[in-house]
Amino acid sequence: METGSIPVASLPGGFDLQSTVESGQSYLWRREDGNMYETTHAYGGSAWYYTVVDGEVVRARQQDGTIEWEATTDAEPLLFDLLRLDDDLDAIVDATPDDPLLESAYEKYRGMRIVRDPFFPCLVSFICSAQMRVSRIYGMQTALAREFGDEIQFDGKTYHQFPTPEQLARATEDDLRKLNLGYRAPYVRKTAELVASGQASASDVRGKEYEDARDAVQVFVGVGDKVADCVLLFSLDYLEAVPLDTWIQRAIEEQYPHCERGTYAKTSRAIREQFGGEYAGYAQTYVFHYLRS
C-alpha cells in the first residue's frame, strides 16, 4: 500500500471532496461506508471514497485541511487528473459573471471541482441517466461494476473496476435489464459494441470545436444533446459545455427566461453566454448541485 497527502491550501480555490464526487458528475466514486448520496453535506466530508482506474485502487478522504490517500500506486497524479486539482478555481470564479444564483451556489459549495472521468465509464453512466435520480444512476453503475468488472484485491477487501467495452459487449440485453437498466439496456450494449469493435472512440471527438464535438458524441447509441454535453464536460475537458438537464431548464425558466430560444442548440448558446462562456460548465455544475440539494 502507498499513502500520501495533499494540502488543500496548496490548491487554488480550495477543494471540497464530498461535493465533487457526490454532485451527480461522476458515478465512478464510492463511499467506503456505503452512504453515497445519503448524508447531508458538510464541507469536504470526512468519509473515505474510492475509485478503480486502470487496475489501480485509490482511496481518499478530506480531513484536517488535507486530502489523505491510500492506493495500490502513487495516487497523487491520478487524483490531480481525475479531480482536476490543478484547476485554478479562484480564477474560474472570478471569470464568472456577477449573478445572485451563481454567487449563492459558489458560496455554498466553494471548492467543488469538475471531474475528469475516463471516457467509456462516463459515457455509459450518462446513457443510463435519462429520467433517473442520481442515486438510481449510481446504483446502476455500481451493479455493472460488480457484475461485469474485474475484481481487484486491496487492503484485505475486494474492489470492482468498471467493465471494459469488451466485457459489456459480451453481456446480453437480459443481463443488463436484470440490473434495472430498463430501456437503456440495448443502448449500453450497442455502445459497448461500437467501442469494443473500434468503430467509434473518444479520439473521434477530442480536438473538435465544441458544437461539432457535441454532434460527434451522438454517434454512440442512446446519446442525445444533453448526454453528449455531460460526456464532454465530465470526461473530455470541454468546460464550456452546459448540459440542459431538468434543474438547468428550471433555472432558465425562473431566472433566465431570456435564454430560452426554442431549441437545444440555441438555448445552449444563450445560457453558455449567460454563464460566461469558457467556464460555463463550472457554473452549470454549481447551479445543478445547489438547486438539487
C-alpha atoms as a PDB file:
ATOM      1  CA  MET A   1       0.000   0.000   0.000  1.00  0.00           C
ATOM      2  CA  GLU A   2       1.158   3.506  -0.846  1.00  0.00           C
ATOM      3  CA  THR A   3      -0.061   6.527   1.099  1.00  0.00           C
ATOM      4  CA  GLY A   4       0.226  10.285   0.901  1.00  0.00           C
ATOM      5  CA  SER A   5      -1.498  13.598   1.442  1.00  0.00           C
ATOM      6  CA  ILE A   6      -2.151  16.820  -0.448  1.00  0.00           C
ATOM      7  CA  PRO A   7      -2.589  20.092   1.475  1.00  0.00           C
ATOM      8  CA  VAL A   8      -5.880  21.689   0.462  1.00  0.00           C
ATOM      9  CA  ALA A   9      -4.331  25.131   0.991  1.00  0.00           C
ATOM     10  CA  SER A  10      -1.971  24.398  -1.917  1.00  0.00           C
ATOM     11  CA  LEU A  11      -4.906  24.111  -4.361  1.00  0.00           C
ATOM     12  CA  PRO A  12      -6.076  27.444  -5.839  1.00  0.00           C
ATOM     13  CA  GLY A  13      -9.655  27.936  -4.690  1.00  0.00           C
ATOM     14  CA  GLY A  14      -9.535  25.047  -2.236  1.00  0.00           C
ATOM     15  CA  PHE A  15     -11.257  21.703  -2.573  1.00  0.00           C
ATOM     16  CA  ASP A  16     -14.465  20.034  -1.433  1.00  0.00           C
ATOM     17  CA  LEU A  17     -14.237  16.277  -1.886  1.00  0.00           C
ATOM     18  CA  GLN A  18     -17.804  15.387  -0.943  1.00  0.00           C
ATOM     19  CA  SER A  19     -19.367  17.936  -3.279  1.00  0.00           C
ATOM     20  CA  THR A  20     -17.065  16.947  -6.113  1.00  0.00           C
ATOM     21  CA  VAL A  21     -17.869  13.235  -6.030  1.00  0.00           C
ATOM     22  CA  GLU A  22     -21.470  13.384  -4.733  1.00  0.00           C
ATOM     23  CA  SER A  23     -22.848  16.065  -7.060  1.00  0.00           C
ATOM     24  CA  GLY A  24     -24.063  13.895  -9.919  1.00  0.00           C
ATOM     25  CA  GLN A  25     -20.991  14.449 -12.110  1.00  0.00           C
ATOM     26  CA  SER A  26     -19.374  11.064 -11.599  1.00  0.00           C
ATOM     27  CA  TYR A  27     -20.702   7.622 -10.828  1.00  0.00           C
ATOM     28  CA  LEU A  28     -17.276   6.013 -10.506  1.00  0.00           C
ATOM     29  CA  TRP A  29     -16.520   7.081  -6.928  1.00  0.00           C
ATOM     30  CA  ARG A  30     -17.991   5.200  -3.968  1.00  0.00           C
ATOM     31  CA  ARG A  31     -18.028   5.679  -0.215  1.00  0.00           C
ATOM     32  CA  GLU A  32     -16.467   3.010   1.947  1.00  0.00           C
ATOM     33  CA  ASP A  33     -19.324   3.420   4.438  1.00  0.00           C
ATOM     34  CA  GLY A  34     -21.955   2.774   1.757  1.00  0.00           C
ATOM     35  CA  ASN A  35     -23.712   6.112   2.321  1.00  0.00           C
ATOM     36  CA  MET A  36     -23.208   7.668  -1.108  1.00  0.00           C
ATOM     37  CA  TYR A  37     -25.921  10.279  -1.751  1.00  0.00           C
ATOM     38  CA  GLU A  38     -27.475   9.548   1.647  1.00  0.00           C
ATOM     39  CA  THR A  39     -25.871  12.065   4.013  1.00  0.00           C
ATOM     40  CA  THR A  40     -26.186  15.831   4.275  1.00  0.00           C
ATOM     41  CA  HIS A  41     -23.283  17.910   3.106  1.00  0.00           C
ATOM     42  CA  ALA A  42     -20.525  19.032   5.412  1.00  0.00           C
ATOM     43  CA  TYR A  43     -17.639  20.844   3.782  1.00  0.00           C
ATOM     44  CA  GLY A  44     -15.139  18.350   2.481  1.00  0.00           C
ATOM     45  CA  GLY A  45     -16.671  15.427   4.287  1.00  0.00           C
ATOM     46  CA  SER A  46     -14.509  13.016   6.224  1.00  0.00           C
ATOM     47  CA  ALA A  47     -15.637   9.710   4.729  1.00  0.00           C
ATOM     48  CA  TRP A  48     -13.300   7.562   2.685  1.00  0.00           C
ATOM     49  CA  TYR A  49     -14.143   7.499  -1.027  1.00  0.00           C
ATOM     50  CA  TYR A  50     -12.638   5.139  -3.577  1.00  0.00           C
ATOM     51  CA  THR A  51     -12.421   4.566  -7.296  1.00  0.00           C
ATOM     52  CA  VAL A  52     -10.731   1.975  -9.512  1.00  0.00           C
ATOM     53  CA  VAL A  53      -8.919   3.176 -12.631  1.00  0.00           C
ATOM     54  CA  ASP A  54      -6.737   1.109 -14.964  1.00  0.00           C
ATOM     55  CA  GLY A  55      -6.475  -1.650 -12.387  1.00  0.00           C
ATOM     56  CA  GLU A  56      -5.439   0.685  -9.577  1.00  0.00           C
ATOM     57  CA  VAL A  57      -7.495   1.252  -6.420  1.00  0.00           C
ATOM     58  CA  VAL A  58      -7.422   4.783  -5.000  1.00  0.00           C
ATOM     59  CA  ARG A  59      -8.986   5.751  -1.678  1.00  0.00           C
ATOM     60  CA  ALA A  60      -9.167   9.344  -0.464  1.00  0.00           C
ATOM     61  CA  ARG A  61     -10.700  11.428   2.283  1.00  0.00           C
ATOM     62  CA  GLN A  62     -10.559  15.075   3.285  1.00  0.00           C
ATOM     63  CA  GLN A  63      -9.633  15.803   6.866  1.00  0.00           C
ATOM     64  CA  ASP A  64      -7.807  18.499   8.835  1.00  0.00           C
ATOM     65  CA  GLY A  65      -7.006  20.558   5.759  1.00  0.00           C
ATOM     66  CA  THR A  66      -5.543  17.710   3.733  1.00  0.00           C
ATOM     67  CA  ILE A  67      -6.592  15.144   1.174  1.00  0.00           C
ATOM     68  CA  GLU A  68      -5.327  11.854   2.577  1.00  0.00           C
ATOM     69  CA  TRP A  69      -4.952   8.956   0.171  1.00  0.00           C
ATOM     70  CA  GLU A  70      -4.171   5.237   0.157  1.00  0.00           C
ATOM     71  CA  ALA A  71      -3.698   3.305  -3.053  1.00  0.00           C
ATOM     72  CA  THR A  72      -2.127   0.451  -4.951  1.00  0.00           C
ATOM     73  CA  THR A  73       0.116   3.012  -6.686  1.00  0.00           C
ATOM     74  CA  ASP A  74       1.321   6.596  -6.311  1.00  0.00           C
ATOM     75  CA  ALA A  75      -2.134   8.179  -6.400  1.00  0.00           C
ATOM     76  CA  GLU A  76      -1.224  11.852  -6.355  1.00  0.00           C
ATOM     77  CA  PRO A  77      -1.001  12.204 -10.178  1.00  0.00           C
ATOM     78  CA  LEU A  78      -4.250  10.248 -10.531  1.00  0.00           C
ATOM     79  CA  LEU A  79      -6.056  12.476  -8.034  1.00  0.00           C
ATOM     80  CA  PHE A  80      -4.836  15.630  -9.757  1.00  0.00           C
ATOM     81  CA  ASP A  81      -6.089  14.253 -13.061  1.00  0.00           C
ATOM     82  CA  LEU A  82      -9.412  12.711 -12.001  1.00  0.00           C
ATOM     83  CA  LEU A  83     -10.436  15.569  -9.680  1.00  0.00           C
ATOM     84  CA  ARG A  84      -8.872  18.440 -11.658  1.00  0.00           C
ATOM     85  CA  LEU A  85      -6.913  19.581  -8.635  1.00  0.00           C
ATOM     86  CA  ASP A  86      -4.774  21.823 -10.827  1.00  0.00           C
ATOM     87  CA  ASP A  87      -7.766  23.925 -11.953  1.00  0.00           C
ATOM     88  CA  ASP A  88      -7.477  27.477 -10.616  1.00  0.00           C
ATOM     89  CA  LEU A  89     -10.903  27.771  -9.006  1.00  0.00           C
ATOM     90  CA  ASP A  90     -10.251  31.328  -7.891  1.00  0.00           C
ATOM     91  CA  ALA A  91      -9.660  32.398 -11.493  1.00  0.00           C
ATOM     92  CA  ILE A  92     -12.662  30.395 -12.702  1.00  0.00           C
ATOM     93  CA  VAL A  93     -14.990  32.021 -10.182  1.00  0.00           C
ATOM     94  CA  ASP A  94     -13.565  35.463 -10.971  1.00  0.00           C
ATOM     95  CA  ALA A  95     -14.261  34.850 -14.676  1.00  0.00           C
ATOM     96  CA  THR A  96     -17.925  34.091 -13.995  1.00  0.00           C
ATOM     97  CA  PRO A  97     -20.384  36.977 -14.417  1.00  0.00           C
ATOM     98  CA  ASP A  98     -21.917  38.589 -11.324  1.00  0.00           C
ATOM     99  CA  ASP A  99     -25.158  36.718 -10.736  1.00  0.00           C
ATOM    100  CA  PRO A 100     -27.072  36.133  -7.465  1.00  0.00           C
ATOM    101  CA  LEU A 101     -27.786  32.449  -8.166  1.00  0.00           C
ATOM    102  CA  LEU A 102     -24.189  31.691  -9.133  1.00  0.00           C
ATOM    103  CA  GLU A 103     -22.856  33.604  -6.141  1.00  0.00           C
ATOM    104  CA  SER A 104     -25.094  31.602  -3.779  1.00  0.00           C
ATOM    105  CA  ALA A 105     -24.018  28.301  -5.374  1.00  0.00           C
ATOM    106  CA  TYR A 106     -20.322  29.171  -5.260  1.00  0.00           C
ATOM    107  CA  GLU A 107     -20.593  30.256  -1.637  1.00  0.00           C
ATOM    108  CA  LYS A 108     -22.407  27.081  -0.596  1.00  0.00           C
ATOM    109  CA  TYR A 109     -20.104  24.625  -2.358  1.00  0.00           C
ATOM    110  CA  ARG A 110     -16.863  26.534  -2.820  1.00  0.00           C
ATOM    111  CA  GLY A 111     -14.105  24.074  -3.594  1.00  0.00           C
ATOM    112  CA  MET A 112     -16.224  21.732  -5.710  1.00  0.00           C
ATOM    113  CA  ARG A 113     -14.371  20.792  -8.869  1.00  0.00           C
ATOM    114  CA  ILE A 114     -15.451  19.240 -12.126  1.00  0.00           C
ATOM    115  CA  VAL A 115     -14.303  15.646 -12.512  1.00  0.00           C
ATOM    116  CA  ARG A 116     -12.355  14.163 -15.395  1.00  0.00           C
ATOM    117  CA  ASP A 117     -13.724  10.628 -15.671  1.00  0.00           C
ATOM    118  CA  PRO A 118     -12.441   8.004 -18.104  1.00  0.00           C
ATOM    119  CA  PHE A 119     -14.424   8.225 -21.323  1.00  0.00           C
ATOM    120  CA  PHE A 120     -16.210   4.878 -21.578  1.00  0.00           C
ATOM    121  CA  PRO A 121     -17.497   4.689 -17.975  1.00  0.00           C
ATOM    122  CA  CYS A 122     -18.632   8.308 -18.201  1.00  0.00           C
ATOM    123  CA  LEU A 123     -20.415   7.615 -21.480  1.00  0.00           C
ATOM    124  CA  VAL A 124     -22.268   4.592 -20.087  1.00  0.00           C
ATOM    125  CA  SER A 125     -23.154   6.422 -16.867  1.00  0.00           C
ATOM    126  CA  PHE A 126     -24.909   9.215 -18.710  1.00  0.00           C
ATOM    127  CA  ILE A 127     -26.601   6.912 -21.220  1.00  0.00           C
ATOM    128  CA  CYS A 128     -28.184   5.435 -18.082  1.00  0.00           C
ATOM    129  CA  SER A 129     -29.076   8.862 -16.679  1.00  0.00           C
ATOM    130  CA  ALA A 130     -32.219   9.587 -18.694  1.00  0.00           C
ATOM    131  CA  GLN A 131     -35.172  10.260 -16.379  1.00  0.00           C
ATOM    132  CA  MET A 132     -33.252   8.964 -13.378  1.00  0.00           C
ATOM    133  CA  ARG A 133     -32.306  10.387  -9.988  1.00  0.00           C
ATOM    134  CA  VAL A 134     -28.599  10.494  -9.252  1.00  0.00           C
ATOM    135  CA  SER A 135     -28.911   7.757  -6.626  1.00  0.00           C
ATOM    136  CA  ARG A 136     -30.502   5.402  -9.179  1.00  0.00           C
ATOM    137  CA  ILE A 137     -27.835   6.154 -11.789  1.00  0.00           C
ATOM    138  CA  TYR A 138     -25.171   5.482  -9.167  1.00  0.00           C
ATOM    139  CA  GLY A 139     -26.813   2.165  -8.283  1.00  0.00           C
ATOM    140  CA  MET A 140     -26.803   1.059 -11.920  1.00  0.00           C
ATOM    141  CA  GLN A 141     -23.097   1.795 -12.356  1.00  0.00           C
ATOM    142  CA  THR A 142     -22.252   0.043  -9.093  1.00  0.00           C
ATOM    143  CA  ALA A 143     -24.155  -3.022 -10.285  1.00  0.00           C
ATOM    144  CA  LEU A 144     -22.420  -3.009 -13.679  1.00  0.00           C
ATOM    145  CA  ALA A 145     -19.018  -2.933 -11.988  1.00  0.00           C
ATOM    146  CA  ARG A 146     -19.966  -5.693  -9.556  1.00  0.00           C
ATOM    147  CA  GLU A 147     -21.412  -7.999 -12.212  1.00  0.00           C
ATOM    148  CA  PHE A 148     -19.061  -7.470 -15.149  1.00  0.00           C
ATOM    149  CA  GLY A 149     -15.918  -5.662 -13.988  1.00  0.00           C
ATOM    150  CA  ASP A 150     -12.606  -7.140 -12.867  1.00  0.00           C
ATOM    151  CA  GLU A 151     -12.097  -7.809  -9.160  1.00  0.00           C
ATOM    152  CA  ILE A 152      -9.054  -6.226  -7.511  1.00  0.00           C
ATOM    153  CA  GLN A 153      -7.830  -7.065  -4.022  1.00  0.00           C
ATOM    154  CA  PHE A 154      -6.546  -4.225  -1.872  1.00  0.00           C
ATOM    155  CA  ASP A 155      -6.031  -3.951   1.877  1.00  0.00           C
ATOM    156  CA  GLY A 156      -7.979  -7.144   2.507  1.00  0.00           C
ATOM    157  CA  LYS A 157     -11.028  -6.005   0.514  1.00  0.00           C
ATOM    158  CA  THR A 158     -12.418  -6.756  -2.934  1.00  0.00           C
ATOM    159  CA  TYR A 159     -12.971  -3.824  -5.292  1.00  0.00           C
ATOM    160  CA  HIS A 160     -14.634  -3.866  -8.699  1.00  0.00           C
ATOM    161  CA  GLN A 161     -13.444  -1.938 -11.715  1.00  0.00           C
ATOM    162  CA  PHE A 162     -15.985  -0.578 -14.176  1.00  0.00           C
ATOM    163  CA  PRO A 163     -16.279  -3.073 -17.040  1.00  0.00           C
ATOM    164  CA  THR A 164     -14.369  -2.596 -20.247  1.00  0.00           C
ATOM    165  CA  PRO A 165     -16.228  -2.155 -23.545  1.00  0.00           C
ATOM    166  CA  GLU A 166     -15.403  -5.776 -24.375  1.00  0.00           C
ATOM    167  CA  GLN A 167     -16.854  -7.033 -21.085  1.00  0.00           C
ATOM    168  CA  LEU A 168     -20.084  -5.075 -21.518  1.00  0.00           C
ATOM    169  CA  ALA A 169     -20.384  -6.058 -25.178  1.00  0.00           C
ATOM    170  CA  ARG A 170     -20.472  -9.712 -24.071  1.00  0.00           C
ATOM    171  CA  ALA A 171     -23.403  -9.036 -21.729  1.00  0.00           C
ATOM    172  CA  THR A 172     -26.849  -9.830 -23.066  1.00  0.00           C
ATOM    173  CA  GLU A 173     -29.681  -7.343 -23.069  1.00  0.00           C
ATOM    174  CA  ASP A 174     -31.443  -9.524 -20.483  1.00  0.00           C
ATOM    175  CA  ASP A 175     -28.332  -9.437 -18.284  1.00  0.00           C
ATOM    176  CA  LEU A 176     -28.437  -5.646 -18.327  1.00  0.00           C
ATOM    177  CA  ARG A 177     -32.177  -5.419 -17.756  1.00  0.00           C
ATOM    178  CA  LYS A 178     -31.755  -7.537 -14.618  1.00  0.00           C
ATOM    179  CA  LEU A 179     -29.621  -4.669 -13.271  1.00  0.00           C
ATOM    180  CA  ASN A 180     -32.569  -2.281 -13.716  1.00  0.00           C
ATOM    181  CA  LEU A 181     -31.238  -0.575 -16.851  1.00  0.00           C
ATOM    182  CA  GLY A 182     -34.664  -0.950 -18.478  1.00  0.00           C
ATOM    183  CA  TYR A 183     -34.911   0.518 -21.983  1.00  0.00           C
ATOM    184  CA  ARG A 184     -31.319   1.749 -21.637  1.00  0.00           C
ATOM    185  CA  ALA A 185     -30.003  -1.839 -21.779  1.00  0.00           C
ATOM    186  CA  PRO A 186     -29.793  -2.113 -25.596  1.00  0.00           C
ATOM    187  CA  TYR A 187     -28.248   1.368 -25.791  1.00  0.00           C
ATOM    188  CA  VAL A 188     -25.471   0.385 -23.376  1.00  0.00           C
ATOM    189  CA  ARG A 189     -24.820  -2.920 -25.134  1.00  0.00           C
ATOM    190  CA  LYS A 190     -24.733  -1.395 -28.623  1.00  0.00           C
ATOM    191  CA  THR A 191     -22.491   1.451 -27.487  1.00  0.00           C
ATOM    192  CA  ALA A 192     -20.133  -1.065 -25.865  1.00  0.00           C
ATOM    193  CA  GLU A 193     -20.021  -2.973 -29.165  1.00  0.00           C
ATOM    194  CA  LEU A 194     -19.168   0.217 -31.066  1.00  0.00           C
ATOM    195  CA  VAL A 195     -16.257   0.967 -28.764  1.00  0.00           C
ATOM    196  CA  ALA A 196     -15.048  -2.619 -28.465  1.00  0.00           C
ATOM    197  CA  SER A 197     -15.006  -3.027 -32.249  1.00  0.00           C
ATOM    198  CA  GLY A 198     -13.130   0.241 -32.766  1.00  0.00           C
ATOM    199  CA  GLN A 199     -15.936   1.708 -34.865  1.00  0.00           C
ATOM    200  CA  ALA A 200     -16.127   4.754 -32.575  1.00  0.00           C
ATOM    201  CA  SER A 201     -13.935   6.156 -29.800  1.00  0.00           C
ATOM    202  CA  ALA A 202     -13.107   9.250 -27.797  1.00  0.00           C
ATOM    203  CA  SER A 203     -10.466  10.164 -30.370  1.00  0.00           C
ATOM    204  CA  ASP A 204     -13.288  10.825 -32.839  1.00  0.00           C
ATOM    205  CA  VAL A 205     -14.438  13.636 -30.552  1.00  0.00           C
ATOM    206  CA  ARG A 206     -11.328  15.166 -28.999  1.00  0.00           C
ATOM    207  CA  GLY A 207      -9.954  18.218 -30.731  1.00  0.00           C
ATOM    208  CA  LYS A 208     -13.167  19.239 -32.474  1.00  0.00           C
ATOM    209  CA  GLU A 209     -14.800  22.597 -31.919  1.00  0.00           C
ATOM    210  CA  TYR A 210     -17.324  22.359 -29.092  1.00  0.00           C
ATOM    211  CA  GLU A 211     -20.605  22.110 -31.013  1.00  0.00           C
ATOM    212  CA  ASP A 212     -19.033  19.762 -33.568  1.00  0.00           C
ATOM    213  CA  ALA A 213     -17.809  17.620 -30.670  1.00  0.00           C
ATOM    214  CA  ARG A 214     -21.325  17.509 -29.212  1.00  0.00           C
ATOM    215  CA  ASP A 215     -22.598  16.212 -32.545  1.00  0.00           C
ATOM    216  CA  ALA A 216     -19.766  13.685 -32.758  1.00  0.00           C
ATOM    217  CA  VAL A 217     -20.577  12.100 -29.372  1.00  0.00           C
ATOM    218  CA  GLN A 218     -24.050  11.320 -30.662  1.00  0.00           C
ATOM    219  CA  VAL A 219     -22.701   8.536 -32.865  1.00  0.00           C
ATOM    220  CA  PHE A 220     -22.986   6.406 -29.720  1.00  0.00           C
ATOM    221  CA  VAL A 221     -26.358   4.728 -29.235  1.00  0.00           C
ATOM    222  CA  GLY A 222     -28.601   6.390 -26.665  1.00  0.00           C
ATOM    223  CA  VAL A 223     -26.758   9.720 -26.730  1.00  0.00           C
ATOM    224  CA  GLY A 224     -28.621  12.944 -27.414  1.00  0.00           C
ATOM    225  CA  ASP A 225     -27.618  16.553 -26.879  1.00  0.00           C
ATOM    226  CA  LYS A 226     -27.808  16.539 -23.070  1.00  0.00           C
ATOM    227  CA  VAL A 227     -25.922  13.276 -22.578  1.00  0.00           C
ATOM    228  CA  ALA A 228     -23.316  14.422 -25.105  1.00  0.00           C
ATOM    229  CA  ASP A 229     -22.799  17.637 -23.141  1.00  0.00           C
ATOM    230  CA  CYS A 230     -22.344  15.646 -19.922  1.00  0.00           C
ATOM    231  CA  VAL A 231     -19.664  13.471 -21.519  1.00  0.00           C
ATOM    232  CA  LEU A 232     -17.890  16.497 -22.986  1.00  0.00           C
ATOM    233  CA  LEU A 233     -17.900  18.298 -19.645  1.00  0.00           C
ATOM    234  CA  PHE A 234     -17.125  15.464 -17.228  1.00  0.00           C
ATOM    235  CA  SER A 235     -14.659  13.494 -19.349  1.00  0.00           C
ATOM    236  CA  LEU A 236     -13.271  15.386 -22.334  1.00  0.00           C
ATOM    237  CA  ASP A 237     -12.298  18.820 -20.929  1.00  0.00           C
ATOM    238  CA  TYR A 238     -14.967  20.900 -22.697  1.00  0.00           C
ATOM    239  CA  LEU A 239     -15.506  23.225 -19.740  1.00  0.00           C
ATOM    240  CA  GLU A 240     -17.857  25.411 -21.778  1.00  0.00           C
ATOM    241  CA  ALA A 241     -20.450  22.629 -22.107  1.00  0.00           C
ATOM    242  CA  VAL A 242     -23.761  23.242 -20.296  1.00  0.00           C
ATOM    243  CA  PRO A 243     -25.977  20.140 -20.141  1.00  0.00           C
ATOM    244  CA  LEU A 244     -29.600  21.295 -20.239  1.00  0.00           C
ATOM    245  CA  ASP A 245     -30.945  18.939 -17.585  1.00  0.00           C
ATOM    246  CA  THR A 246     -34.148  19.395 -15.596  1.00  0.00           C
ATOM    247  CA  TRP A 247     -32.529  21.645 -12.987  1.00  0.00           C
ATOM    248  CA  ILE A 248     -30.883  23.944 -15.509  1.00  0.00           C
ATOM    249  CA  GLN A 249     -34.106  24.123 -17.502  1.00  0.00           C
ATOM    250  CA  ARG A 250     -35.851  25.162 -14.293  1.00  0.00           C
ATOM    251  CA  ALA A 251     -33.211  27.812 -13.658  1.00  0.00           C
ATOM    252  CA  ILE A 252     -33.715  29.128 -17.202  1.00  0.00           C
ATOM    253  CA  GLU A 253     -37.472  29.256 -16.700  1.00  0.00           C
ATOM    254  CA  GLU A 254     -37.283  31.036 -13.347  1.00  0.00           C
ATOM    255  CA  GLN A 255     -34.064  33.064 -13.516  1.00  0.00           C
ATOM    256  CA  TYR A 256     -33.020  33.431 -17.154  1.00  0.00           C
ATOM    257  CA  PRO A 257     -36.161  33.287 -19.321  1.00  0.00           C
ATOM    258  CA  HIS A 258     -34.416  35.350 -22.000  1.00  0.00           C
ATOM    259  CA  CYS A 259     -32.134  32.325 -22.606  1.00  0.00           C
ATOM    260  CA  GLU A 260     -34.988  30.074 -23.743  1.00  0.00           C
ATOM    261  CA  ARG A 261     -34.670  30.051 -27.528  1.00  0.00           C
ATOM    262  CA  GLY A 262     -36.873  27.132 -28.527  1.00  0.00           C
ATOM    263  CA  THR A 263     -34.207  24.594 -29.485  1.00  0.00           C
ATOM    264  CA  TYR A 264     -31.459  22.854 -27.538  1.00  0.00           C
ATOM    265  CA  ALA A 265     -28.687  24.352 -29.669  1.00  0.00           C
ATOM    266  CA  LYS A 266     -29.922  27.938 -29.443  1.00  0.00           C
ATOM    267  CA  THR A 267     -30.816  27.753 -25.750  1.00  0.00           C
ATOM    268  CA  SER A 268     -27.447  26.151 -25.038  1.00  0.00           C
ATOM    269  CA  ARG A 269     -25.633  29.019 -26.721  1.00  0.00           C
ATOM    270  CA  ALA A 270     -27.638  31.574 -24.758  1.00  0.00           C
ATOM    271  CA  ILE A 271     -27.100  30.003 -21.326  1.00  0.00           C
ATOM    272  CA  ARG A 272     -23.398  29.473 -22.058  1.00  0.00           C
ATOM    273  CA  GLU A 273     -23.123  33.188 -22.730  1.00  0.00           C
ATOM    274  CA  GLN A 274     -25.120  33.937 -19.570  1.00  0.00           C
ATOM    275  CA  PHE A 275     -22.705  31.774 -17.563  1.00  0.00           C
ATOM    276  CA  GLY A 276     -19.600  33.385 -19.016  1.00  0.00           C
ATOM    277  CA  GLY A 277     -18.584  31.180 -21.926  1.00  0.00           C
ATOM    278  CA  GLU A 278     -15.239  29.494 -21.312  1.00  0.00           C
ATOM    279  CA  TYR A 279     -16.082  28.087 -17.863  1.00  0.00           C
ATOM    280  CA  ALA A 280     -19.855  27.900 -18.265  1.00  0.00           C
ATOM    281  CA  GLY A 281     -19.787  24.202 -17.396  1.00  0.00           C
ATOM    282  CA  TYR A 282     -18.419  25.019 -13.965  1.00  0.00           C
ATOM    283  CA  ALA A 283     -21.299  27.452 -13.416  1.00  0.00           C
ATOM    284  CA  GLN A 284     -23.771  24.799 -14.592  1.00  0.00           C
ATOM    285  CA  THR A 285     -22.391  22.202 -12.199  1.00  0.00           C
ATOM    286  CA  TYR A 286     -22.587  24.523  -9.204  1.00  0.00           C
ATOM    287  CA  VAL A 287     -26.138  25.577 -10.082  1.00  0.00           C
ATOM    288  CA  PHE A 288     -27.220  21.956 -10.629  1.00  0.00           C
ATOM    289  CA  HIS A 289     -25.846  20.821  -7.262  1.00  0.00           C
ATOM    290  CA  TYR A 290     -27.162  23.870  -5.436  1.00  0.00           C
ATOM    291  CA  LEU A 291     -30.717  23.567  -6.801  1.00  0.00           C
ATOM    292  CA  ARG A 292     -30.859  19.773  -6.492  1.00  0.00           C
ATOM    293  CA  SER A 293     -29.686  19.895  -2.884  1.00  0.00           C
END
